[in-house]
Amino acid sequence: MRTNMRAARVSKGLTTKKVGEILGVHENAVQRWERGESEPMGANLIALSKLYGCSPDVLMEQSRTRDLA
């Protein structure tokens, strides 16, 4: 489970449905990313990091620091 990804979304007050709408993906994709069942690739990962205000490494739990993207 990617707790950083879920925590970042919740801290912005966004639902998985809203994130999906913003990124142009189904909310199920966002849920799978947060559960660690799949990974956001390329443009989706960059868009998530910008939306949440943190680096892609933080979202993918490769870094603990919540630095700005």
C-alpha atoms as a PDB file:
ATOM      1  CA  MET A   1       0.000   0.000   0.000  1.00  0.00           C
ATOM      2  CA  ARG A   2       1.269   3.445  -0.881  1.00  0.00           C
ATOM      3  CA  THR A   3       0.318   5.405   2.196  1.00  0.00           C
ATOM      4  CA  ASN A   4       2.149   8.530   0.989  1.00  0.00           C
ATOM      5  CA  MET A   5       0.035   8.663  -2.149  1.00  0.00           C
ATOM      6  CA  ARG A   6      -3.215   8.317  -0.242  1.00  0.00           C
ATOM      7  CA  ALA A   7      -2.107  10.761   2.472  1.00  0.00           C
ATOM      8  CA  ALA A   8      -1.132  13.353  -0.144  1.00  0.00           C
ATOM      9  CA  ARG A   9      -4.546  13.061  -1.802  1.00  0.00           C
ATOM     10  CA  VAL A  10      -6.434  13.270   1.481  1.00  0.00           C
ATOM     11  CA  SER A  11      -4.368  16.265   2.633  1.00  0.00           C
ATOM     12  CA  LYS A  12      -5.545  18.136  -0.486  1.00  0.00           C
ATOM     13  CA  GLY A  13      -9.167  17.211   0.258  1.00  0.00           C
ATOM     14  CA  LEU A  14      -9.550  15.226  -2.953  1.00  0.00           C
ATOM     15  CA  THR A  15     -11.467  12.038  -3.627  1.00  0.00           C
ATOM     16  CA  THR A  16     -10.162   9.300  -5.890  1.00  0.00           C
ATOM     17  CA  LYS A  17     -12.979  10.194  -8.275  1.00  0.00           C
ATOM     18  CA  LYS A  18     -11.894  13.852  -8.446  1.00  0.00           C
ATOM     19  CA  VAL A  19      -8.236  12.904  -8.975  1.00  0.00           C
ATOM     20  CA  GLY A  20      -9.311  10.582 -11.768  1.00  0.00           C
ATOM     21  CA  GLU A  21     -11.315  13.366 -13.388  1.00  0.00           C
ATOM     22  CA  ILE A  22      -8.362  15.771 -13.183  1.00  0.00           C
ATOM     23  CA  LEU A  23      -5.943  13.238 -14.653  1.00  0.00           C
ATOM     24  CA  GLY A  24      -8.381  11.793 -17.176  1.00  0.00           C
ATOM     25  CA  VAL A  25      -8.309   8.279 -15.729  1.00  0.00           C
ATOM     26  CA  HIS A  26     -10.956   6.176 -13.998  1.00  0.00           C
ATOM     27  CA  GLU A  27     -11.091   6.454 -10.222  1.00  0.00           C
ATOM     28  CA  ASN A  28     -10.348   2.716 -10.053  1.00  0.00           C
ATOM     29  CA  ALA A  29      -6.895   3.440 -11.500  1.00  0.00           C
ATOM     30  CA  VAL A  30      -6.214   5.918  -8.689  1.00  0.00           C
ATOM     31  CA  GLN A  31      -7.393   3.360  -6.127  1.00  0.00           C
ATOM     32  CA  ARG A  32      -5.107   0.678  -7.619  1.00  0.00           C
ATOM     33  CA  TRP A  33      -2.152   3.082  -7.479  1.00  0.00           C
ATOM     34  CA  GLU A  34      -2.848   3.792  -3.809  1.00  0.00           C
ATOM     35  CA  ARG A  35      -3.136   0.082  -2.998  1.00  0.00           C
ATOM     36  CA  GLY A  36       0.134  -0.621  -4.819  1.00  0.00           C
ATOM     37  CA  GLU A  37      -1.549  -2.923  -7.339  1.00  0.00           C
ATOM     38  CA  SER A  38      -0.268  -0.835 -10.254  1.00  0.00           C
ATOM     39  CA  GLU A  39       1.893   2.232 -10.755  1.00  0.00           C
ATOM     40  CA  PRO A  40       1.136   5.577 -12.336  1.00  0.00           C
ATOM     41  CA  MET A  41       3.495   5.962 -15.258  1.00  0.00           C
ATOM     42  CA  GLY A  42       5.026   8.941 -17.001  1.00  0.00           C
ATOM     43  CA  ALA A  43       2.644  11.834 -17.373  1.00  0.00           C
ATOM     44  CA  ASN A  44       0.251  10.527 -14.695  1.00  0.00           C
ATOM     45  CA  LEU A  45       2.996  10.325 -12.078  1.00  0.00           C
ATOM     46  CA  ILE A  46       4.183  13.842 -12.924  1.00  0.00           C
ATOM     47  CA  ALA A  47       0.604  15.166 -12.860  1.00  0.00           C
ATOM     48  CA  LEU A  48       0.009  13.550  -9.446  1.00  0.00           C
ATOM     49  CA  SER A  49       3.185  15.045  -8.005  1.00  0.00           C
ATOM     50  CA  LYS A  50       2.203  18.523  -9.244  1.00  0.00           C
ATOM     51  CA  LEU A  51      -1.361  18.136  -8.003  1.00  0.00           C
ATOM     52  CA  TYR A  52      -0.210  16.998  -4.565  1.00  0.00           C
ATOM     53  CA  GLY A  53       2.788  19.346  -4.318  1.00  0.00           C
ATOM     54  CA  CYS A  54       5.442  16.702  -3.694  1.00  0.00           C
ATOM     55  CA  SER A  55       8.063  14.803  -5.642  1.00  0.00           C
ATOM     56  CA  PRO A  56       7.309  11.597  -7.532  1.00  0.00           C
ATOM     57  CA  ASP A  57       9.791   9.825  -5.219  1.00  0.00           C
ATOM     58  CA  VAL A  58       7.622  10.672  -2.218  1.00  0.00           C
ATOM     59  CA  LEU A  59       4.498   9.339  -3.936  1.00  0.00           C
ATOM     60  CA  MET A  60       6.269   6.120  -4.863  1.00  0.00           C
ATOM     61  CA  GLU A  61       7.685   5.934  -1.311  1.00  0.00           C
ATOM     62  CA  GLN A  62      11.305   6.117  -2.419  1.00  0.00           C
ATOM     63  CA  SER A  63      11.849   9.193  -0.239  1.00  0.00           C
ATOM     64  CA  ARG A  64      10.402  10.297   3.084  1.00  0.00           C
ATOM     65  CA  THR A  65      10.811  14.033   2.494  1.00  0.00           C
ATOM     66  CA  ARG A  66       7.725  15.828   1.186  1.00  0.00           C
ATOM     67  CA  ASP A  67       9.640  18.304  -0.936  1.00  0.00           C
ATOM     68  CA  LEU A  68       7.952  20.279  -3.655  1.00  0.00           C
ATOM     69  CA  ALA A  69       8.064  18.857  -7.150  1.00  0.00           C
END
